Amino acid sequence: MEKKGYKDLIVWQKSMELVVLVYGLTDSFPESERYGLTSQIRRCAISIPSNIAEGSKRGTKKDFRHFLLMSFGSGAELETQLEIAKRLSYIKNAKKYQEALLLLGEVMRMLSAMVNRSN
């Protein structure tokens, strides 16, 4: 039986959906934020599935756990930065914002469960 890869992990799939949502949300940010908050938010979102993928390919459970924790940290950063963008009135689509927060919450719960199981 073939070992499942990171693309088979639901947490990776959902975090990829989150990246797409975040890109859509940040499209309407002011041009002046292109290299600031827009870039930072996008990097945090991208970091979540990227770290899941990297950790899964490292080969040890300890390494995988470490990268899951890095993904979890990126998720916390993303949550904070989305809140900052909302307070600055950069987010124009409230429905997409809520959708992103719900999906981020789901991803964070999954990461937390995976980290706890790897102890």
PDB file of N, CA and C in Angstrom:
ATOM      1  N   MET A   1       0.840  -1.186   0.000  1.00  0.00           N
ATOM      2  CA  MET A   1       0.000   0.000   0.000  1.00  0.00           C
ATOM      3  C   MET A   1       0.885   1.249   0.000  1.00  0.00           C
ATOM      4  N   GLU A   2       0.570   2.192  -0.851  1.00  0.00           N
ATOM      5  CA  GLU A   2       1.376   3.401  -0.982  1.00  0.00           C
ATOM      6  C   GLU A   2       1.093   4.359   0.177  1.00  0.00           C
ATOM      7  N   LYS A   3       2.159   4.928   0.709  1.00  0.00           N
ATOM      8  CA  LYS A   3       2.028   5.897   1.796  1.00  0.00           C
ATOM      9  C   LYS A   3       1.391   7.182   1.260  1.00  0.00           C
ATOM     10  N   LYS A   4       0.459   7.715   2.031  1.00  0.00           N
ATOM     11  CA  LYS A   4      -0.200   8.950   1.620  1.00  0.00           C
ATOM     12  C   LYS A   4       0.780  10.111   1.682  1.00  0.00           C
ATOM     13  N   GLY A   5       0.644  11.015   0.741  1.00  0.00           N
ATOM     14  CA  GLY A   5       1.481  12.201   0.724  1.00  0.00           C
ATOM     15  C   GLY A   5       0.763  13.374   1.372  1.00  0.00           C
ATOM     16  N   TYR A   6       1.463  14.481   1.480  1.00  0.00           N
ATOM     17  CA  TYR A   6       0.885  15.658   2.125  1.00  0.00           C
ATOM     18  C   TYR A   6      -0.338  16.179   1.388  1.00  0.00           C
ATOM     19  N   LYS A   7      -0.417  15.972   0.071  1.00  0.00           N
ATOM     20  CA  LYS A   7      -1.577  16.445  -0.694  1.00  0.00           C
ATOM     21  C   LYS A   7      -2.850  15.699  -0.324  1.00  0.00           C
ATOM     22  N   ASP A   8      -2.699  14.538   0.300  1.00  0.00           N
ATOM     23  CA  ASP A   8      -3.851  13.762   0.755  1.00  0.00           C
ATOM     24  C   ASP A   8      -4.352  14.225   2.120  1.00  0.00           C
ATOM     25  N   LEU A   9      -3.561  15.039   2.806  1.00  0.00           N
ATOM     26  CA  LEU A   9      -3.961  15.524   4.133  1.00  0.00           C
ATOM     27  C   LEU A   9      -5.034  16.598   3.989  1.00  0.00           C
ATOM     28  N   ILE A  10      -6.143  16.413   4.672  1.00  0.00           N
ATOM     29  CA  ILE A  10      -7.248  17.385   4.597  1.00  0.00           C
ATOM     30  C   ILE A  10      -6.782  18.755   5.095  1.00  0.00           C
ATOM     31  N   VAL A  11      -5.919  18.782   6.089  1.00  0.00           N
ATOM     32  CA  VAL A  11      -5.440  20.060   6.612  1.00  0.00           C
ATOM     33  C   VAL A  11      -4.648  20.814   5.536  1.00  0.00           C
ATOM     34  N   TRP A  12      -3.886  20.090   4.729  1.00  0.00           N
ATOM     35  CA  TRP A  12      -3.150  20.735   3.639  1.00  0.00           C
ATOM     36  C   TRP A  12      -4.129  21.250   2.582  1.00  0.00           C
ATOM     37  N   GLN A  13      -5.116  20.438   2.233  1.00  0.00           N
ATOM     38  CA  GLN A  13      -6.114  20.836   1.229  1.00  0.00           C
ATOM     39  C   GLN A  13      -6.873  22.081   1.667  1.00  0.00           C
ATOM     40  N   LYS A  14      -7.290  22.091   2.920  1.00  0.00           N
ATOM     41  CA  LYS A  14      -8.042  23.239   3.436  1.00  0.00           C
ATOM     42  C   LYS A  14      -7.157  24.481   3.545  1.00  0.00           C
ATOM     43  N   SER A  15      -5.901  24.296   3.894  1.00  0.00           N
ATOM     44  CA  SER A  15      -5.007  25.448   3.979  1.00  0.00           C
ATOM     45  C   SER A  15      -4.707  26.009   2.590  1.00  0.00           C
ATOM     46  N   MET A  16      -4.734  25.165   1.582  1.00  0.00           N
ATOM     47  CA  MET A  16      -4.595  25.648   0.204  1.00  0.00           C
ATOM     48  C   MET A  16      -5.823  26.468  -0.200  1.00  0.00           C
ATOM     49  N   GLU A  17      -7.004  26.021   0.191  1.00  0.00           N
ATOM     50  CA  GLU A  17      -8.229  26.802  -0.038  1.00  0.00           C
ATOM     51  C   GLU A  17      -8.116  28.167   0.642  1.00  0.00           C
ATOM     52  N   LEU A  18      -7.554  28.156   1.827  1.00  0.00           N
ATOM     53  CA  LEU A  18      -7.378  29.392   2.583  1.00  0.00           C
ATOM     54  C   LEU A  18      -6.467  30.369   1.840  1.00  0.00           C
ATOM     55  N   VAL A  19      -5.410  29.872   1.246  1.00  0.00           N
ATOM     56  CA  VAL A  19      -4.500  30.724   0.475  1.00  0.00           C
ATOM     57  C   VAL A  19      -5.275  31.445  -0.630  1.00  0.00           C
ATOM     58  N   VAL A  20      -6.097  30.704  -1.344  1.00  0.00           N
ATOM     59  CA  VAL A  20      -6.879  31.294  -2.438  1.00  0.00           C
ATOM     60  C   VAL A  20      -7.829  32.363  -1.898  1.00  0.00           C
ATOM     61  N   LEU A  21      -8.493  32.067  -0.787  1.00  0.00           N
ATOM     62  CA  LEU A  21      -9.392  33.042  -0.157  1.00  0.00           C
ATOM     63  C   LEU A  21      -8.651  34.312   0.254  1.00  0.00           C
ATOM     64  N   VAL A  22      -7.498  34.134   0.851  1.00  0.00           N
ATOM     65  CA  VAL A  22      -6.697  35.269   1.326  1.00  0.00           C
ATOM     66  C   VAL A  22      -6.244  36.144   0.161  1.00  0.00           C
ATOM     67  N   TYR A  23      -5.834  35.517  -0.920  1.00  0.00           N
ATOM     68  CA  TYR A  23      -5.439  36.298  -2.095  1.00  0.00           C
ATOM     69  C   TYR A  23      -6.613  37.142  -2.595  1.00  0.00           C
ATOM     70  N   GLY A  24      -7.797  36.556  -2.610  1.00  0.00           N
ATOM     71  CA  GLY A  24      -8.982  37.303  -3.022  1.00  0.00           C
ATOM     72  C   GLY A  24      -9.287  38.458  -2.096  1.00  0.00           C
ATOM     73  N   LEU A  25      -9.145  38.221  -0.802  1.00  0.00           N
ATOM     74  CA  LEU A  25      -9.404  39.282   0.186  1.00  0.00           C
ATOM     75  C   LEU A  25      -8.432  40.444   0.050  1.00  0.00           C
ATOM     76  N   THR A  26      -7.179  40.118  -0.208  1.00  0.00           N
ATOM     77  CA  THR A  26      -6.148  41.157  -0.230  1.00  0.00           C
ATOM     78  C   THR A  26      -6.058  41.887  -1.576  1.00  0.00           C
ATOM     79  N   ASP A  27      -6.753  41.388  -2.588  1.00  0.00           N
ATOM     80  CA  ASP A  27      -6.752  42.055  -3.895  1.00  0.00           C
ATOM     81  C   ASP A  27      -7.232  43.505  -3.824  1.00  0.00           C
ATOM     82  N   SER A  28      -8.133  43.775  -2.892  1.00  0.00           N
ATOM     83  CA  SER A  28      -8.709  45.127  -2.809  1.00  0.00           C
ATOM     84  C   SER A  28      -7.978  46.042  -1.821  1.00  0.00           C
ATOM     85  N   PHE A  29      -6.883  45.549  -1.250  1.00  0.00           N
ATOM     86  CA  PHE A  29      -6.112  46.391  -0.322  1.00  0.00           C
ATOM     87  C   PHE A  29      -5.507  47.565  -1.084  1.00  0.00           C
ATOM     88  N   PRO A  30      -5.223  48.659  -0.385  1.00  0.00           N
ATOM     89  CA  PRO A  30      -4.614  49.817  -1.049  1.00  0.00           C
ATOM     90  C   PRO A  30      -3.265  49.462  -1.677  1.00  0.00           C
ATOM     91  N   GLU A  31      -2.969  50.094  -2.792  1.00  0.00           N
ATOM     92  CA  GLU A  31      -1.695  49.884  -3.490  1.00  0.00           C
ATOM     93  C   GLU A  31      -0.512  50.154  -2.562  1.00  0.00           C
ATOM     94  N   SER A  32      -0.684  51.097  -1.646  1.00  0.00           N
ATOM     95  CA  SER A  32       0.395  51.450  -0.718  1.00  0.00           C
ATOM     96  C   SER A  32       0.764  50.291   0.215  1.00  0.00           C
ATOM     97  N   GLU A  33      -0.115  49.292   0.315  1.00  0.00           N
ATOM     98  CA  GLU A  33       0.140  48.131   1.183  1.00  0.00           C
ATOM     99  C   GLU A  33       0.709  46.934   0.426  1.00  0.00           C
ATOM    100  N   ARG A  34       0.971  47.099  -0.875  1.00  0.00           N
ATOM    101  CA  ARG A  34       1.445  45.984  -1.696  1.00  0.00           C
ATOM    102  C   ARG A  34       2.646  45.278  -1.059  1.00  0.00           C
ATOM    103  N   TYR A  35       3.605  46.042  -0.572  1.00  0.00           N
ATOM    104  CA  TYR A  35       4.815  45.451   0.016  1.00  0.00           C
ATOM    105  C   TYR A  35       4.754  45.412   1.544  1.00  0.00           C
ATOM    106  N   GLY A  36       3.624  45.812   2.087  1.00  0.00           N
ATOM    107  CA  GLY A  36       3.434  45.808   3.531  1.00  0.00           C
ATOM    108  C   GLY A  36       2.483  44.693   3.941  1.00  0.00           C
ATOM    109  N   LEU A  37       1.320  45.108   4.391  1.00  0.00           N
ATOM    110  CA  LEU A  37       0.355  44.161   4.952  1.00  0.00           C
ATOM    111  C   LEU A  37      -0.113  43.121   3.930  1.00  0.00           C
ATOM    112  N   THR A  38      -0.327  43.526   2.696  1.00  0.00           N
ATOM    113  CA  THR A  38      -0.759  42.567   1.668  1.00  0.00           C
ATOM    114  C   THR A  38       0.259  41.442   1.539  1.00  0.00           C
ATOM    115  N   SER A  39       1.513  41.806   1.395  1.00  0.00           N
ATOM    116  CA  SER A  39       2.578  40.823   1.253  1.00  0.00           C
ATOM    117  C   SER A  39       2.698  39.945   2.493  1.00  0.00           C
ATOM    118  N   GLN A  40       2.629  40.553   3.654  1.00  0.00           N
ATOM    119  CA  GLN A  40       2.770  39.805   4.912  1.00  0.00           C
ATOM    120  C   GLN A  40       1.641  38.799   5.094  1.00  0.00           C
ATOM    121  N   ILE A  41       0.421  39.237   4.825  1.00  0.00           N
ATOM    122  CA  ILE A  41      -0.733  38.353   4.970  1.00  0.00           C
ATOM    123  C   ILE A  41      -0.619  37.175   4.004  1.00  0.00           C
ATOM    124  N   ARG A  42      -0.258  37.469   2.781  1.00  0.00           N
ATOM    125  CA  ARG A  42      -0.133  36.398   1.787  1.00  0.00           C
ATOM    126  C   ARG A  42       0.981  35.421   2.150  1.00  0.00           C
ATOM    127  N   ARG A  43       2.095  35.935   2.641  1.00  0.00           N
ATOM    128  CA  ARG A  43       3.196  35.046   3.035  1.00  0.00           C
ATOM    129  C   ARG A  43       2.785  34.133   4.181  1.00  0.00           C
ATOM    130  N   CYS A  44       2.049  34.668   5.149  1.00  0.00           N
ATOM    131  CA  CYS A  44       1.586  33.843   6.270  1.00  0.00           C
ATOM    132  C   CYS A  44       0.658  32.742   5.781  1.00  0.00           C
ATOM    133  N   ALA A  45      -0.268  33.099   4.900  1.00  0.00           N
ATOM    134  CA  ALA A  45      -1.205  32.105   4.378  1.00  0.00           C
ATOM    135  C   ALA A  45      -0.461  31.010   3.625  1.00  0.00           C
ATOM    136  N   ILE A  46       0.479  31.400   2.786  1.00  0.00           N
ATOM    137  CA  ILE A  46       1.265  30.446   1.997  1.00  0.00           C
ATOM    138  C   ILE A  46       2.110  29.553   2.898  1.00  0.00           C
ATOM    139  N   SER A  47       2.571  30.101   3.997  1.00  0.00           N
ATOM    140  CA  SER A  47       3.432  29.374   4.917  1.00  0.00           C
ATOM    141  C   SER A  47       2.734  28.167   5.554  1.00  0.00           C
ATOM    142  N   ILE A  48       1.426  28.252   5.719  1.00  0.00           N
ATOM    143  CA  ILE A  48       0.711  27.155   6.390  1.00  0.00           C
ATOM    144  C   ILE A  48       0.814  25.855   5.586  1.00  0.00           C
ATOM    145  N   PRO A  49       0.320  25.799   4.343  1.00  0.00           N
ATOM    146  CA  PRO A  49       0.458  24.532   3.611  1.00  0.00           C
ATOM    147  C   PRO A  49       1.898  24.200   3.241  1.00  0.00           C
ATOM    148  N   SER A  50       2.719  25.223   3.063  1.00  0.00           N
ATOM    149  CA  SER A  50       4.125  24.977   2.712  1.00  0.00           C
ATOM    150  C   SER A  50       4.850  24.236   3.823  1.00  0.00           C
ATOM    151  N   ASN A  51       4.619  24.648   5.068  1.00  0.00           N
ATOM    152  CA  ASN A  51       5.264  23.968   6.196  1.00  0.00           C
ATOM    153  C   ASN A  51       4.712  22.570   6.416  1.00  0.00           C
ATOM    154  N   ILE A  52       3.424  22.383   6.161  1.00  0.00           N
ATOM    155  CA  ILE A  52       2.852  21.035   6.256  1.00  0.00           C
ATOM    156  C   ILE A  52       3.548  20.128   5.240  1.00  0.00           C
ATOM    157  N   ALA A  53       3.699  20.622   4.025  1.00  0.00           N
ATOM    158  CA  ALA A  53       4.345  19.838   2.966  1.00  0.00           C
ATOM    159  C   ALA A  53       5.797  19.536   3.317  1.00  0.00           C
ATOM    160  N   GLU A  54       6.529  20.566   3.725  1.00  0.00           N
ATOM    161  CA  GLU A  54       7.943  20.356   4.045  1.00  0.00           C
ATOM    162  C   GLU A  54       8.112  19.375   5.188  1.00  0.00           C
ATOM    163  N   GLY A  55       7.331  19.555   6.230  1.00  0.00           N
ATOM    164  CA  GLY A  55       7.429  18.670   7.386  1.00  0.00           C
ATOM    165  C   GLY A  55       7.126  17.224   7.048  1.00  0.00           C
ATOM    166  N   SER A  56       6.152  17.035   6.172  1.00  0.00           N
ATOM    167  CA  SER A  56       5.788  15.659   5.817  1.00  0.00           C
ATOM    168  C   SER A  56       6.888  14.963   5.027  1.00  0.00           C
ATOM    169  N   LYS A  57       7.730  15.735   4.363  1.00  0.00           N
ATOM    170  CA  LYS A  57       8.810  15.161   3.559  1.00  0.00           C
ATOM    171  C   LYS A  57      10.125  15.036   4.328  1.00  0.00           C
ATOM    172  N   ARG A  58      10.169  15.529   5.544  1.00  0.00           N
ATOM    173  CA  ARG A  58      11.410  15.483   6.328  1.00  0.00           C
ATOM    174  C   ARG A  58      11.752  14.087   6.819  1.00  0.00           C
ATOM    175  N   GLY A  59      10.753  13.236   6.975  1.00  0.00           N
ATOM    176  CA  GLY A  59      11.046  11.837   7.285  1.00  0.00           C
ATOM    177  C   GLY A  59      10.905  11.418   8.729  1.00  0.00           C
ATOM    178  N   THR A  60      10.968  12.350   9.680  1.00  0.00           N
ATOM    179  CA  THR A  60      10.806  11.937  11.078  1.00  0.00           C
ATOM    180  C   THR A  60       9.570  12.587  11.671  1.00  0.00           C
ATOM    181  N   LYS A  61       8.991  11.916  12.649  1.00  0.00           N
ATOM    182  CA  LYS A  61       7.810  12.460  13.333  1.00  0.00           C
ATOM    183  C   LYS A  61       8.154  13.758  14.057  1.00  0.00           C
ATOM    184  N   LYS A  62       9.361  13.810  14.614  1.00  0.00           N
ATOM    185  CA  LYS A  62       9.798  15.010  15.323  1.00  0.00           C
ATOM    186  C   LYS A  62       9.861  16.213  14.367  1.00  0.00           C
ATOM    187  N   ASP A  63      10.434  16.004  13.191  1.00  0.00           N
ATOM    188  CA  ASP A  63      10.501  17.079  12.195  1.00  0.00           C
ATOM    189  C   ASP A  63       9.106  17.490  11.741  1.00  0.00           C
ATOM    190  N   PHE A  64       8.246  16.498  11.495  1.00  0.00           N
ATOM    191  CA  PHE A  64       6.885  16.804  11.049  1.00  0.00           C
ATOM    192  C   PHE A  64       6.171  17.645  12.099  1.00  0.00           C
ATOM    193  N   ARG A  65       6.299  17.252  13.354  1.00  0.00           N
ATOM    194  CA  ARG A  65       5.668  18.005  14.444  1.00  0.00           C
ATOM    195  C   ARG A  65       6.189  19.441  14.474  1.00  0.00           C
ATOM    196  N   HIS A  66       7.484  19.607  14.310  1.00  0.00           N
ATOM    197  CA  HIS A  66       8.105  20.935  14.312  1.00  0.00           C
ATOM    198  C   HIS A  66       7.486  21.814  13.218  1.00  0.00           C
ATOM    199  N   PHE A  67       7.319  21.263  12.026  1.00  0.00           N
ATOM    200  CA  PHE A  67       6.761  22.035  10.920  1.00  0.00           C
ATOM    201  C   PHE A  67       5.261  22.269  11.094  1.00  0.00           C
ATOM    202  N   LEU A  68       4.566  21.341  11.741  1.00  0.00           N
ATOM    203  CA  LEU A  68       3.156  21.585  12.068  1.00  0.00           C
ATOM    204  C   LEU A  68       3.037  22.767  13.032  1.00  0.00           C
ATOM    205  N   LEU A  69       3.957  22.829  13.987  1.00  0.00           N
ATOM    206  CA  LEU A  69       3.959  23.960  14.925  1.00  0.00           C
ATOM    207  C   LEU A  69       4.265  25.269  14.205  1.00  0.00           C
ATOM    208  N   MET A  70       5.143  25.224  13.218  1.00  0.00           N
ATOM    209  CA  MET A  70       5.430  26.426  12.434  1.00  0.00           C
ATOM    210  C   MET A  70       4.182  26.852  11.650  1.00  0.00           C
ATOM    211  N   SER A  71       3.460  25.895  11.086  1.00  0.00           N
ATOM    212  CA  SER A  71       2.205  26.194  10.392  1.00  0.00           C
ATOM    213  C   SER A  71       1.204  26.827  11.347  1.00  0.00           C
ATOM    214  N   PHE A  72       1.131  26.282  12.546  1.00  0.00           N
ATOM    215  CA  PHE A  72       0.212  26.792  13.562  1.00  0.00           C
ATOM    216  C   PHE A  72       0.564  28.246  13.911  1.00  0.00           C
ATOM    217  N   GLY A  73       1.851  28.523  14.051  1.00  0.00           N
ATOM    218  CA  GLY A  73       2.297  29.884  14.326  1.00  0.00           C
ATOM    219  C   GLY A  73       1.949  30.833  13.194  1.00  0.00           C
ATOM    220  N   SER A  74       2.110  30.379  11.961  1.00  0.00           N
ATOM    221  CA  SER A  74       1.746  31.200  10.804  1.00  0.00           C
ATOM    222  C   SER A  74       0.246  31.480  10.795  1.00  0.00           C
ATOM    223  N   GLY A  75      -0.530  30.509  11.214  1.00  0.00           N
ATOM    224  CA  GLY A  75      -1.981  30.703  11.306  1.00  0.00           C
ATOM    225  C   GLY A  75      -2.344  31.771  12.317  1.00  0.00           C
ATOM    226  N   ALA A  76      -1.655  31.775  13.455  1.00  0.00           N
ATOM    227  CA  ALA A  76      -1.906  32.806  14.469  1.00  0.00           C
ATOM    228  C   ALA A  76      -1.516  34.187  13.942  1.00  0.00           C
ATOM    229  N   GLU A  77      -0.390  34.250  13.230  1.00  0.00           N
ATOM    230  CA  GLU A  77       0.021  35.510  12.609  1.00  0.00           C
ATOM    231  C   GLU A  77      -1.028  35.978  11.604  1.00  0.00           C
ATOM    232  N   LEU A  78      -1.509  35.056  10.795  1.00  0.00           N
ATOM    233  CA  LEU A  78      -2.500  35.386   9.781  1.00  0.00           C
ATOM    234  C   LEU A  78      -3.775  35.930  10.421  1.00  0.00           C
ATOM    235  N   GLU A  79      -4.214  35.288  11.475  1.00  0.00           N
ATOM    236  CA  GLU A  79      -5.422  35.748  12.180  1.00  0.00           C
ATOM    237  C   GLU A  79      -5.248  37.183  12.679  1.00  0.00           C
ATOM    238  N   THR A  80      -4.097  37.467  13.247  1.00  0.00           N
ATOM    239  CA  THR A  80      -3.798  38.811  13.755  1.00  0.00           C
ATOM    240  C   THR A  80      -3.751  39.830  12.625  1.00  0.00           C
ATOM    241  N   GLN A  81      -3.098  39.465  11.540  1.00  0.00           N
ATOM    242  CA  GLN A  81      -2.956  40.405  10.429  1.00  0.00           C
ATOM    243  C   GLN A  81      -4.282  40.665   9.724  1.00  0.00           C
ATOM    244  N   LEU A  82      -5.138  39.652   9.644  1.00  0.00           N
ATOM    245  CA  LEU A  82      -6.471  39.873   9.080  1.00  0.00           C
ATOM    246  C   LEU A  82      -7.268  40.828   9.962  1.00  0.00           C
ATOM    247  N   GLU A  83      -7.119  40.686  11.264  1.00  0.00           N
ATOM    248  CA  GLU A  83      -7.802  41.597  12.197  1.00  0.00           C
ATOM    249  C   GLU A  83      -7.291  43.024  12.022  1.00  0.00           C
ATOM    250  N   ILE A  84      -5.997  43.172  11.844  1.00  0.00           N
ATOM    251  CA  ILE A  84      -5.417  44.504  11.605  1.00  0.00           C
ATOM    252  C   ILE A  84      -6.009  45.099  10.329  1.00  0.00           C
ATOM    253  N   ALA A  85      -6.056  44.301   9.271  1.00  0.00           N
ATOM    254  CA  ALA A  85      -6.609  44.780   7.994  1.00  0.00           C
ATOM    255  C   ALA A  85      -8.074  45.191   8.153  1.00  0.00           C
ATOM    256  N   LYS A  86      -8.804  44.427   8.938  1.00  0.00           N
ATOM    257  CA  LYS A  86     -10.219  44.764   9.176  1.00  0.00           C
ATOM    258  C   LYS A  86     -10.325  46.091   9.924  1.00  0.00           C
ATOM    259  N   ARG A  87      -9.513  46.271  10.953  1.00  0.00           N
ATOM    260  CA  ARG A  87      -9.551  47.511  11.743  1.00  0.00           C
ATOM    261  C   ARG A  87      -9.126  48.718  10.924  1.00  0.00           C
ATOM    262  N   LEU A  88      -8.288  48.482   9.916  1.00  0.00           N
ATOM    263  CA  LEU A  88      -7.862  49.568   9.028  1.00  0.00           C
ATOM    264  C   LEU A  88      -8.842  49.777   7.869  1.00  0.00           C
ATOM    265  N   SER A  89      -9.932  49.020   7.882  1.00  0.00           N
ATOM    266  CA  SER A  89     -10.975  49.084   6.840  1.00  0.00           C
ATOM    267  C   SER A  89     -10.449  48.730   5.453  1.00  0.00           C
ATOM    268  N   TYR A  90      -9.470  47.837   5.389  1.00  0.00           N
ATOM    269  CA  TYR A  90      -8.942  47.383   4.109  1.00  0.00           C
ATOM    270  C   TYR A  90      -9.788  46.261   3.520  1.00  0.00           C
ATOM    271  N   ILE A  91     -10.505  45.546   4.374  1.00  0.00           N
ATOM    272  CA  ILE A  91     -11.294  44.407   3.910  1.00  0.00           C
ATOM    273  C   ILE A  91     -12.665  44.907   3.472  1.00  0.00           C
ATOM    274  N   LYS A  92     -12.961  44.682   2.207  1.00  0.00           N
ATOM    275  CA  LYS A  92     -14.194  45.201   1.607  1.00  0.00           C
ATOM    276  C   LYS A  92     -15.313  44.165   1.587  1.00  0.00           C
ATOM    277  N   ASN A  93     -14.977  42.894   1.619  1.00  0.00           N
ATOM    278  CA  ASN A  93     -15.967  41.833   1.501  1.00  0.00           C
ATOM    279  C   ASN A  93     -16.103  41.098   2.838  1.00  0.00           C
ATOM    280  N   ALA A  94     -17.114  41.500   3.625  1.00  0.00           N
ATOM    281  CA  ALA A  94     -17.311  40.928   4.963  1.00  0.00           C
ATOM    282  C   ALA A  94     -17.597  39.428   4.905  1.00  0.00           C
ATOM    283  N   LYS A  95     -18.316  38.995   3.879  1.00  0.00           N
ATOM    284  CA  LYS A  95     -18.654  37.573   3.758  1.00  0.00           C
ATOM    285  C   LYS A  95     -17.385  36.738   3.531  1.00  0.00           C
ATOM    286  N   LYS A  96     -16.524  37.196   2.629  1.00  0.00           N
ATOM    287  CA  LYS A  96     -15.265  36.479   2.364  1.00  0.00           C
ATOM    288  C   LYS A  96     -14.349  36.504   3.589  1.00  0.00           C
ATOM    289  N   TYR A  97     -14.370  37.610   4.320  1.00  0.00           N
ATOM    290  CA  TYR A  97     -13.579  37.726   5.555  1.00  0.00           C
ATOM    291  C   TYR A  97     -14.032  36.671   6.555  1.00  0.00           C
ATOM    292  N   GLN A  98     -15.329  36.558   6.768  1.00  0.00           N
ATOM    293  CA  GLN A  98     -15.862  35.565   7.703  1.00  0.00           C
ATOM    294  C   GLN A  98     -15.549  34.148   7.231  1.00  0.00           C
ATOM    295  N   GLU A  99     -15.660  33.930   5.934  1.00  0.00           N
ATOM    296  CA  GLU A  99     -15.340  32.623   5.362  1.00  0.00           C
ATOM    297  C   GLU A  99     -13.871  32.267   5.626  1.00  0.00           C
ATOM    298  N   ALA A 100     -12.992  33.244   5.443  1.00  0.00           N
ATOM    299  CA  ALA A 100     -11.566  33.020   5.693  1.00  0.00           C
ATOM    300  C   ALA A 100     -11.309  32.717   7.160  1.00  0.00           C
ATOM    301  N   LEU A 101     -11.949  33.466   8.057  1.00  0.00           N
ATOM    302  CA  LEU A 101     -11.763  33.223   9.491  1.00  0.00           C
ATOM    303  C   LEU A 101     -12.262  31.847   9.902  1.00  0.00           C
ATOM    304  N   LEU A 102     -13.405  31.441   9.360  1.00  0.00           N
ATOM    305  CA  LEU A 102     -13.941  30.113   9.685  1.00  0.00           C
ATOM    306  C   LEU A 102     -13.012  29.014   9.187  1.00  0.00           C
ATOM    307  N   LEU A 103     -12.526  29.170   7.970  1.00  0.00           N
ATOM    308  CA  LEU A 103     -11.614  28.172   7.405  1.00  0.00           C
ATOM    309  C   LEU A 103     -10.292  28.157   8.173  1.00  0.00           C
ATOM    310  N   LEU A 104      -9.787  29.328   8.526  1.00  0.00           N
ATOM    311  CA  LEU A 104      -8.568  29.394   9.328  1.00  0.00           C
ATOM    312  C   LEU A 104      -8.772  28.703  10.671  1.00  0.00           C
ATOM    313  N   GLY A 105      -9.908  28.926  11.302  1.00  0.00           N
ATOM    314  CA  GLY A 105     -10.205  28.267  12.576  1.00  0.00           C
ATOM    315  C   GLY A 105     -10.216  26.758  12.445  1.00  0.00           C
ATOM    316  N   GLU A 106     -10.796  26.278  11.362  1.00  0.00           N
ATOM    317  CA  GLU A 106     -10.834  24.839  11.108  1.00  0.00           C
ATOM    318  C   GLU A 106      -9.420  24.285  10.908  1.00  0.00           C
ATOM    319  N   VAL A 107      -8.620  24.979  10.122  1.00  0.00           N
ATOM    320  CA  VAL A 107      -7.232  24.565   9.886  1.00  0.00           C
ATOM    321  C   VAL A 107      -6.453  24.554  11.208  1.00  0.00           C
ATOM    322  N   MET A 108      -6.643  25.578  12.009  1.00  0.00           N
ATOM    323  CA  MET A 108      -5.924  25.668  13.286  1.00  0.00           C
ATOM    324  C   MET A 108      -6.311  24.524  14.222  1.00  0.00           C
ATOM    325  N   ARG A 109      -7.587  24.172  14.257  1.00  0.00           N
ATOM    326  CA  ARG A 109      -8.028  23.052  15.102  1.00  0.00           C
ATOM    327  C   ARG A 109      -7.407  21.744  14.611  1.00  0.00           C
ATOM    328  N   MET A 110      -7.359  21.575  13.309  1.00  0.00           N
ATOM    329  CA  MET A 110      -6.768  20.353  12.752  1.00  0.00           C
ATOM    330  C   MET A 110      -5.273  20.280  13.074  1.00  0.00           C
ATOM    331  N   LEU A 111      -4.579  21.397  12.903  1.00  0.00           N
ATOM    332  CA  LEU A 111      -3.147  21.425  13.225  1.00  0.00           C
ATOM    333  C   LEU A 111      -2.918  21.120  14.699  1.00  0.00           C
ATOM    334  N   SER A 112      -3.728  21.724  15.556  1.00  0.00           N
ATOM    335  CA  SER A 112      -3.604  21.504  16.997  1.00  0.00           C
ATOM    336  C   SER A 112      -3.792  20.026  17.333  1.00  0.00           C
ATOM    337  N   ALA A 113      -4.798  19.403  16.743  1.00  0.00           N
ATOM    338  CA  ALA A 113      -5.054  17.982  16.995  1.00  0.00           C
ATOM    339  C   ALA A 113      -3.873  17.128  16.515  1.00  0.00           C
ATOM    340  N   MET A 114      -3.328  17.485  15.354  1.00  0.00           N
ATOM    341  CA  MET A 114      -2.182  16.723  14.817  1.00  0.00           C
ATOM    342  C   MET A 114      -0.963  16.865  15.708  1.00  0.00           C
ATOM    343  N   VAL A 115      -0.725  18.076  16.188  1.00  0.00           N
ATOM    344  CA  VAL A 115       0.416  18.313  17.085  1.00  0.00           C
ATOM    345  C   VAL A 115       0.226  17.524  18.375  1.00  0.00           C
ATOM    346  N   ASN A 116      -0.974  17.575  18.937  1.00  0.00           N
ATOM    347  CA  ASN A 116      -1.249  16.863  20.202  1.00  0.00           C
ATOM    348  C   ASN A 116      -1.106  15.358  20.049  1.00  0.00           C
ATOM    349  N   ARG A 117      -1.497  14.840  18.883  1.00  0.00           N
ATOM    350  CA  ARG A 117      -1.366  13.390  18.641  1.00  0.00           C
ATOM    351  C   ARG A 117       0.080  12.984  18.444  1.00  0.00           C
ATOM    352  N   SER A 118       0.928  13.934  18.076  1.00  0.00           N
ATOM    353  CA  SER A 118       2.337  13.577  17.798  1.00  0.00           C
ATOM    354  C   SER A 118       3.205  13.634  19.038  1.00  0.00           C
ATOM    355  N   ASN A 119       2.635  13.942  20.185  1.00  0.00           N
ATOM    356  CA  ASN A 119       3.411  13.965  21.443  1.00  0.00           C
ATOM    357  C   ASN A 119       3.791  12.581  21.897  1.00  0.00           C
TER     358      ASN A 119
END
